[in-house]
Amino acid sequence: MKKLNKSLLALIICLVMSIMLSASASAADVGRVTGLKASAANNNIVTLTWNSIADADGYRVEYRYGNGTKYSAWATLTDTLQATTYKVGNLKMGYTYIFRVTAYDEVRIPFLGGVSKDFSTPSLEVSVTNTLGKVSGLKVATTTP
């Protein structure tokens, strides 16, 4: 009986692996995101834009930040975005932020009822530094002796 259970378990594992491999093999490569741009940081906010990919089901936006010599690890801002613009807020003053965007296809896994994301190669990176702007338009209204 134990031998039969082990054989059955091995067969089930092989079947599941086969299904997962066939699902990922059938996913179309959506291609690399192009045209990634970042607006100048304004009020601690930057707007990212990129070119649309017709076959993409969505996009993942990632970032890392640092002070020019030491940077954080990559972190995901969102991985369910369907638009080709994304606003990032709460940027720390004096830090440089590096962004990249990855397109994905959603792949349905037969018999398991799940969905997997097949990500493309990340876009080229774009960076922006959050600095104080120059003061302009300063005028003296009144003077007192």
N, C-alpha and C. Protein backbone atom coordinates (compact mmCIF):
# COMPACT_ATOMS: atom_id res chain seq x y z
N MET A 1 0.82 -1.20 0.00
CA MET A 1 0.00 0.00 0.00
C MET A 1 0.87 1.27 0.00
N LYS A 2 1.95 1.27 0.83
CA LYS A 2 2.82 2.44 0.88
C LYS A 2 3.49 2.67 -0.46
N LYS A 3 3.88 1.59 -1.13
CA LYS A 3 4.51 1.70 -2.43
C LYS A 3 3.56 2.30 -3.45
N LEU A 4 2.29 1.92 -3.39
CA LEU A 4 1.28 2.45 -4.29
C LEU A 4 1.06 3.93 -4.04
N ASN A 5 1.01 4.35 -2.76
CA ASN A 5 0.83 5.77 -2.43
C ASN A 5 1.99 6.62 -2.93
N LYS A 6 3.23 6.11 -2.78
CA LYS A 6 4.39 6.85 -3.26
C LYS A 6 4.37 6.97 -4.78
N SER A 7 3.98 5.90 -5.45
CA SER A 7 3.90 5.92 -6.91
C SER A 7 2.82 6.88 -7.38
N LEU A 8 1.69 6.87 -6.70
CA LEU A 8 0.60 7.77 -7.06
C LEU A 8 1.00 9.22 -6.83
N LEU A 9 1.67 9.49 -5.72
CA LEU A 9 2.14 10.85 -5.42
C LEU A 9 3.14 11.31 -6.47
N ALA A 10 4.07 10.43 -6.86
CA ALA A 10 5.05 10.78 -7.88
C ALA A 10 4.36 11.07 -9.21
N LEU A 11 3.34 10.30 -9.55
CA LEU A 11 2.59 10.52 -10.78
C LEU A 11 1.87 11.86 -10.76
N ILE A 12 1.27 12.20 -9.64
CA ILE A 12 0.56 13.47 -9.50
C ILE A 12 1.55 14.64 -9.63
N ILE A 13 2.71 14.53 -8.99
CA ILE A 13 3.71 15.59 -9.08
C ILE A 13 4.17 15.77 -10.52
N CYS A 14 4.41 14.67 -11.21
CA CYS A 14 4.82 14.75 -12.63
C CYS A 14 3.74 15.40 -13.48
N LEU A 15 2.48 15.05 -13.22
CA LEU A 15 1.37 15.62 -13.98
C LEU A 15 1.28 17.13 -13.75
N VAL A 16 1.37 17.56 -12.50
CA VAL A 16 1.29 18.99 -12.18
C VAL A 16 2.45 19.75 -12.82
N MET A 17 3.66 19.21 -12.72
CA MET A 17 4.82 19.86 -13.33
C MET A 17 4.66 19.96 -14.85
N SER A 18 4.14 18.91 -15.46
CA SER A 18 3.91 18.91 -16.90
C SER A 18 2.91 19.98 -17.30
N ILE A 19 1.85 20.12 -16.53
CA ILE A 19 0.83 21.14 -16.81
C ILE A 19 1.43 22.53 -16.69
N MET A 20 2.21 22.76 -15.62
CA MET A 20 2.81 24.07 -15.41
C MET A 20 3.81 24.41 -16.50
N LEU A 21 4.61 23.45 -16.92
CA LEU A 21 5.57 23.70 -17.99
C LEU A 21 4.88 23.98 -19.31
N SER A 22 3.82 23.26 -19.60
CA SER A 22 3.12 23.50 -20.85
C SER A 22 2.42 24.85 -20.84
N ALA A 23 1.94 25.28 -19.67
CA ALA A 23 1.29 26.59 -19.56
C ALA A 23 2.31 27.70 -19.78
N SER A 24 3.50 27.58 -19.18
CA SER A 24 4.49 28.64 -19.35
C SER A 24 5.09 28.61 -20.75
N ALA A 25 5.18 27.44 -21.35
CA ALA A 25 5.72 27.36 -22.70
C ALA A 25 4.77 27.98 -23.71
N SER A 26 3.46 27.98 -23.40
CA SER A 26 2.50 28.53 -24.34
C SER A 26 2.34 30.05 -24.20
N ALA A 27 2.96 30.63 -23.19
CA ALA A 27 2.85 32.08 -23.00
C ALA A 27 3.68 32.80 -24.06
N ALA A 28 3.11 33.83 -24.62
CA ALA A 28 3.82 34.62 -25.63
C ALA A 28 4.73 35.60 -24.92
N ASP A 29 5.91 35.80 -25.46
CA ASP A 29 6.82 36.80 -24.91
C ASP A 29 6.30 38.16 -25.34
N VAL A 30 5.93 38.99 -24.38
CA VAL A 30 5.33 40.28 -24.71
C VAL A 30 6.36 41.32 -25.13
N GLY A 31 7.61 41.03 -24.93
CA GLY A 31 8.65 41.96 -25.33
C GLY A 31 9.02 42.94 -24.25
N ARG A 32 10.12 43.61 -24.49
CA ARG A 32 10.68 44.55 -23.52
C ARG A 32 10.00 45.91 -23.63
N VAL A 33 9.71 46.53 -22.50
CA VAL A 33 9.13 47.87 -22.47
C VAL A 33 10.16 48.86 -23.00
N THR A 34 9.69 49.78 -23.85
CA THR A 34 10.57 50.81 -24.43
C THR A 34 10.01 52.19 -24.10
N GLY A 35 10.84 53.19 -24.27
CA GLY A 35 10.40 54.58 -24.13
C GLY A 35 10.16 55.03 -22.70
N LEU A 36 10.76 54.36 -21.72
CA LEU A 36 10.55 54.76 -20.32
C LEU A 36 11.16 56.12 -20.07
N LYS A 37 10.34 57.04 -19.53
CA LYS A 37 10.78 58.40 -19.19
C LYS A 37 10.27 58.75 -17.81
N ALA A 38 11.03 59.60 -17.14
CA ALA A 38 10.62 60.11 -15.83
C ALA A 38 10.61 61.62 -15.89
N SER A 39 9.52 62.23 -15.42
CA SER A 39 9.47 63.69 -15.35
C SER A 39 10.42 64.16 -14.25
N ALA A 40 10.78 65.41 -14.27
CA ALA A 40 11.60 65.96 -13.19
C ALA A 40 10.80 65.89 -11.89
N ALA A 41 11.47 65.55 -10.81
CA ALA A 41 10.80 65.48 -9.51
C ALA A 41 10.25 66.86 -9.17
N ASN A 42 8.97 66.92 -8.81
CA ASN A 42 8.30 68.16 -8.47
C ASN A 42 7.41 67.88 -7.27
N ASN A 43 7.63 68.61 -6.18
CA ASN A 43 6.88 68.39 -4.94
C ASN A 43 6.99 66.94 -4.49
N ASN A 44 8.20 66.38 -4.62
CA ASN A 44 8.48 65.01 -4.18
C ASN A 44 7.70 63.96 -4.96
N ILE A 45 7.27 64.30 -6.19
CA ILE A 45 6.52 63.37 -7.04
C ILE A 45 7.19 63.30 -8.40
N VAL A 46 7.25 62.11 -8.98
CA VAL A 46 7.76 61.92 -10.33
C VAL A 46 6.71 61.11 -11.10
N THR A 47 6.54 61.42 -12.38
CA THR A 47 5.61 60.68 -13.23
C THR A 47 6.41 59.87 -14.24
N LEU A 48 6.17 58.57 -14.27
CA LEU A 48 6.81 57.67 -15.22
C LEU A 48 5.86 57.44 -16.39
N THR A 49 6.40 57.40 -17.61
CA THR A 49 5.61 57.07 -18.80
C THR A 49 6.44 56.12 -19.66
N TRP A 50 5.76 55.27 -20.45
CA TRP A 50 6.44 54.35 -21.36
C TRP A 50 5.50 53.99 -22.49
N ASN A 51 6.06 53.34 -23.50
CA ASN A 51 5.28 52.92 -24.66
C ASN A 51 4.42 51.70 -24.32
N SER A 52 3.24 51.66 -24.89
CA SER A 52 2.32 50.54 -24.68
C SER A 52 2.78 49.32 -25.47
N ILE A 53 2.54 48.15 -24.92
CA ILE A 53 2.79 46.89 -25.62
C ILE A 53 1.43 46.24 -25.84
N ALA A 54 1.06 46.03 -27.09
CA ALA A 54 -0.28 45.56 -27.44
C ALA A 54 -0.65 44.24 -26.78
N ASP A 55 0.28 43.30 -26.68
CA ASP A 55 -0.03 41.97 -26.14
C ASP A 55 0.13 41.87 -24.62
N ALA A 56 0.55 42.92 -23.96
CA ALA A 56 0.77 42.87 -22.51
C ALA A 56 -0.55 42.90 -21.76
N ASP A 57 -0.63 42.07 -20.72
CA ASP A 57 -1.80 42.11 -19.83
C ASP A 57 -1.61 43.13 -18.72
N GLY A 58 -0.38 43.56 -18.50
CA GLY A 58 -0.12 44.56 -17.46
C GLY A 58 1.37 44.83 -17.33
N TYR A 59 1.69 45.66 -16.32
CA TYR A 59 3.07 46.09 -16.13
C TYR A 59 3.42 46.05 -14.64
N ARG A 60 4.70 45.80 -14.39
CA ARG A 60 5.25 45.88 -13.03
C ARG A 60 6.23 47.04 -13.01
N VAL A 61 6.11 47.92 -12.00
CA VAL A 61 7.01 49.06 -11.83
C VAL A 61 7.87 48.79 -10.60
N GLU A 62 9.20 48.90 -10.80
CA GLU A 62 10.14 48.67 -9.70
C GLU A 62 11.03 49.89 -9.53
N TYR A 63 11.61 50.01 -8.34
CA TYR A 63 12.51 51.14 -8.09
C TYR A 63 13.57 50.74 -7.07
N ARG A 64 14.60 51.54 -7.04
CA ARG A 64 15.57 51.51 -5.95
C ARG A 64 16.08 52.93 -5.79
N TYR A 65 16.61 53.24 -4.64
CA TYR A 65 17.06 54.61 -4.41
C TYR A 65 18.35 54.61 -3.61
N GLY A 66 19.04 55.74 -3.70
CA GLY A 66 20.28 55.87 -2.96
C GLY A 66 20.81 57.29 -3.02
N ASN A 67 22.01 57.44 -2.48
CA ASN A 67 22.61 58.77 -2.40
C ASN A 67 23.76 58.96 -3.38
N GLY A 68 23.86 58.12 -4.39
CA GLY A 68 24.91 58.24 -5.39
C GLY A 68 26.00 57.19 -5.26
N THR A 69 26.21 56.66 -4.07
CA THR A 69 27.23 55.63 -3.89
C THR A 69 26.63 54.31 -3.40
N LYS A 70 25.57 54.39 -2.64
CA LYS A 70 24.96 53.18 -2.08
C LYS A 70 23.46 53.21 -2.41
N TYR A 71 22.98 52.10 -2.99
CA TYR A 71 21.58 52.01 -3.40
C TYR A 71 20.88 50.84 -2.72
N SER A 72 19.57 50.98 -2.54
CA SER A 72 18.77 49.92 -1.96
C SER A 72 18.59 48.79 -2.98
N ALA A 73 18.04 47.68 -2.54
CA ALA A 73 17.69 46.58 -3.45
C ALA A 73 16.44 46.99 -4.23
N TRP A 74 16.19 46.32 -5.35
CA TRP A 74 14.98 46.59 -6.14
C TRP A 74 13.75 46.26 -5.31
N ALA A 75 12.75 47.11 -5.39
CA ALA A 75 11.47 46.89 -4.70
C ALA A 75 10.34 47.14 -5.71
N THR A 76 9.25 46.42 -5.56
CA THR A 76 8.11 46.55 -6.47
C THR A 76 7.14 47.60 -5.96
N LEU A 77 6.80 48.57 -6.80
CA LEU A 77 5.77 49.56 -6.47
C LEU A 77 4.39 48.99 -6.79
N THR A 78 4.26 48.35 -7.94
CA THR A 78 3.00 47.71 -8.33
C THR A 78 3.32 46.64 -9.37
N ASP A 79 2.53 45.57 -9.38
CA ASP A 79 2.68 44.58 -10.44
C ASP A 79 1.33 44.20 -11.04
N THR A 80 0.39 45.12 -10.93
CA THR A 80 -0.94 44.89 -11.50
C THR A 80 -1.40 46.09 -12.34
N LEU A 81 -0.47 46.88 -12.78
CA LEU A 81 -0.80 48.11 -13.50
C LEU A 81 -1.14 47.81 -14.96
N GLN A 82 -2.21 48.43 -15.46
CA GLN A 82 -2.57 48.25 -16.86
C GLN A 82 -2.36 49.52 -17.68
N ALA A 83 -2.11 50.63 -17.03
CA ALA A 83 -1.85 51.91 -17.71
C ALA A 83 -0.37 52.02 -18.07
N THR A 84 -0.03 53.01 -18.88
CA THR A 84 1.37 53.24 -19.25
C THR A 84 1.93 54.51 -18.62
N THR A 85 1.32 54.94 -17.53
CA THR A 85 1.84 56.02 -16.70
C THR A 85 1.69 55.63 -15.25
N TYR A 86 2.60 56.15 -14.43
CA TYR A 86 2.53 55.83 -13.00
C TYR A 86 3.17 56.98 -12.23
N LYS A 87 2.46 57.50 -11.23
CA LYS A 87 3.00 58.58 -10.38
C LYS A 87 3.57 57.97 -9.11
N VAL A 88 4.77 58.41 -8.78
CA VAL A 88 5.44 57.95 -7.57
C VAL A 88 5.61 59.15 -6.66
N GLY A 89 5.12 59.06 -5.44
CA GLY A 89 5.20 60.16 -4.50
C GLY A 89 6.08 59.85 -3.31
N ASN A 90 6.17 60.78 -2.40
CA ASN A 90 6.94 60.65 -1.16
C ASN A 90 8.42 60.39 -1.41
N LEU A 91 8.98 61.04 -2.44
CA LEU A 91 10.40 60.87 -2.71
C LEU A 91 11.20 61.62 -1.65
N LYS A 92 12.26 61.00 -1.16
CA LYS A 92 13.11 61.63 -0.15
C LYS A 92 14.00 62.67 -0.82
N MET A 93 14.12 63.82 -0.18
CA MET A 93 14.92 64.92 -0.70
C MET A 93 16.40 64.51 -0.75
N GLY A 94 17.05 64.82 -1.87
CA GLY A 94 18.48 64.55 -2.01
C GLY A 94 18.83 63.14 -2.48
N TYR A 95 17.85 62.29 -2.67
CA TYR A 95 18.11 60.91 -3.11
C TYR A 95 17.87 60.77 -4.61
N THR A 96 18.61 59.86 -5.22
CA THR A 96 18.40 59.50 -6.62
C THR A 96 17.57 58.23 -6.66
N TYR A 97 16.54 58.24 -7.50
CA TYR A 97 15.65 57.08 -7.67
C TYR A 97 15.86 56.49 -9.06
N ILE A 98 15.96 55.18 -9.12
CA ILE A 98 16.11 54.48 -10.40
C ILE A 98 14.86 53.62 -10.59
N PHE A 99 14.26 53.72 -11.76
CA PHE A 99 13.02 53.00 -12.06
C PHE A 99 13.21 52.08 -13.26
N ARG A 100 12.44 50.99 -13.28
CA ARG A 100 12.36 50.12 -14.45
C ARG A 100 10.95 49.54 -14.51
N VAL A 101 10.52 49.17 -15.72
CA VAL A 101 9.16 48.65 -15.93
C VAL A 101 9.28 47.34 -16.71
N THR A 102 8.46 46.37 -16.32
CA THR A 102 8.42 45.07 -16.97
C THR A 102 6.99 44.77 -17.39
N ALA A 103 6.81 44.30 -18.62
CA ALA A 103 5.49 43.89 -19.10
C ALA A 103 5.27 42.42 -18.73
N TYR A 104 3.99 42.01 -18.67
CA TYR A 104 3.72 40.60 -18.42
C TYR A 104 2.48 40.13 -19.16
N ASP A 105 2.45 38.82 -19.38
CA ASP A 105 1.27 38.10 -19.88
C ASP A 105 0.71 37.31 -18.72
N GLU A 106 -0.60 37.24 -18.61
CA GLU A 106 -1.21 36.34 -17.63
C GLU A 106 -1.38 34.98 -18.27
N VAL A 107 -0.94 33.95 -17.58
CA VAL A 107 -1.01 32.59 -18.10
C VAL A 107 -1.93 31.79 -17.19
N ARG A 108 -3.01 31.27 -17.75
CA ARG A 108 -3.94 30.43 -17.00
C ARG A 108 -3.32 29.05 -16.86
N ILE A 109 -3.37 28.49 -15.65
CA ILE A 109 -2.85 27.15 -15.40
C ILE A 109 -4.02 26.18 -15.43
N PRO A 110 -4.10 25.34 -16.47
CA PRO A 110 -5.23 24.42 -16.60
C PRO A 110 -5.32 23.48 -15.39
N PHE A 111 -6.51 23.11 -15.06
CA PHE A 111 -6.84 22.16 -14.00
C PHE A 111 -6.54 22.66 -12.59
N LEU A 112 -5.72 23.69 -12.46
CA LEU A 112 -5.41 24.20 -11.13
C LEU A 112 -6.19 25.47 -10.83
N GLY A 113 -6.78 26.06 -11.86
CA GLY A 113 -7.60 27.25 -11.68
C GLY A 113 -6.82 28.49 -11.32
N GLY A 114 -5.53 28.47 -11.48
CA GLY A 114 -4.72 29.62 -11.10
C GLY A 114 -4.26 30.44 -12.29
N VAL A 115 -3.60 31.54 -11.97
CA VAL A 115 -3.04 32.43 -12.99
C VAL A 115 -1.59 32.70 -12.60
N SER A 116 -0.74 32.65 -13.57
CA SER A 116 0.67 32.96 -13.36
C SER A 116 1.02 34.14 -14.27
N LYS A 117 2.02 34.93 -13.88
CA LYS A 117 2.46 36.05 -14.71
C LYS A 117 3.79 35.71 -15.34
N ASP A 118 3.85 35.83 -16.67
CA ASP A 118 5.06 35.58 -17.43
C ASP A 118 5.67 36.94 -17.75
N PHE A 119 6.73 37.34 -17.00
CA PHE A 119 7.32 38.67 -17.14
C PHE A 119 8.36 38.72 -18.25
N SER A 120 8.42 39.86 -18.93
CA SER A 120 9.43 40.08 -19.96
C SER A 120 10.72 40.57 -19.30
N THR A 121 11.71 40.86 -20.13
CA THR A 121 12.95 41.46 -19.66
C THR A 121 12.63 42.89 -19.21
N PRO A 122 13.19 43.34 -18.08
CA PRO A 122 12.91 44.73 -17.65
C PRO A 122 13.38 45.75 -18.67
N SER A 123 12.72 46.90 -18.65
CA SER A 123 13.09 48.02 -19.52
C SER A 123 14.47 48.54 -19.15
N LEU A 124 14.99 49.40 -19.99
CA LEU A 124 16.18 50.14 -19.60
C LEU A 124 15.80 51.01 -18.40
N GLU A 125 16.76 51.31 -17.57
CA GLU A 125 16.47 52.07 -16.36
C GLU A 125 16.47 53.57 -16.62
N VAL A 126 15.69 54.29 -15.82
CA VAL A 126 15.67 55.74 -15.88
C VAL A 126 15.83 56.23 -14.44
N SER A 127 16.56 57.33 -14.26
CA SER A 127 16.77 57.83 -12.90
C SER A 127 16.38 59.30 -12.79
N VAL A 128 16.06 59.69 -11.57
CA VAL A 128 15.71 61.07 -11.28
C VAL A 128 16.20 61.38 -9.86
N THR A 129 16.71 62.60 -9.66
CA THR A 129 17.16 63.01 -8.34
C THR A 129 16.20 64.06 -7.80
N ASN A 130 15.76 63.84 -6.58
CA ASN A 130 14.83 64.76 -5.94
C ASN A 130 15.62 65.84 -5.21
N THR A 131 15.69 67.04 -5.78
CA THR A 131 16.44 68.14 -5.19
C THR A 131 15.53 69.36 -5.03
N LEU A 132 15.98 70.27 -4.23
CA LEU A 132 15.25 71.53 -4.07
C LEU A 132 15.39 72.36 -5.32
N GLY A 133 14.32 72.98 -5.75
CA GLY A 133 14.38 73.87 -6.91
C GLY A 133 14.94 75.22 -6.52
N LYS A 134 15.29 76.01 -7.52
CA LYS A 134 15.79 77.35 -7.28
C LYS A 134 14.63 78.27 -6.92
N VAL A 135 14.90 79.17 -6.03
CA VAL A 135 13.90 80.16 -5.65
C VAL A 135 13.86 81.21 -6.75
N SER A 136 12.64 81.55 -7.20
CA SER A 136 12.53 82.58 -8.22
C SER A 136 11.35 83.48 -7.88
N GLY A 137 11.37 84.69 -8.43
CA GLY A 137 10.26 85.61 -8.23
C GLY A 137 10.22 86.25 -6.85
N LEU A 138 11.32 86.19 -6.11
CA LEU A 138 11.36 86.77 -4.78
C LEU A 138 11.45 88.28 -4.89
N LYS A 139 10.52 89.01 -4.23
CA LYS A 139 10.51 90.47 -4.28
C LYS A 139 10.30 91.01 -2.87
N VAL A 140 10.84 92.15 -2.65
CA VAL A 140 10.65 92.83 -1.38
C VAL A 140 9.41 93.66 -1.49
N ALA A 141 8.45 93.45 -0.60
CA ALA A 141 7.18 94.18 -0.66
C ALA A 141 7.32 95.54 0.02
N THR A 142 7.86 95.56 1.22
CA THR A 142 8.03 96.82 1.93
C THR A 142 9.34 96.76 2.72
N THR A 143 9.86 97.93 3.02
CA THR A 143 11.06 97.99 3.86
C THR A 143 10.76 98.92 5.00
N THR A 144 11.38 98.65 6.11
CA THR A 144 11.22 99.53 7.27
C THR A 144 12.60 99.92 7.75
N PRO A 145 12.75 101.18 8.19
CA PRO A 145 14.07 101.65 8.64
C PRO A 145 14.45 101.04 9.96
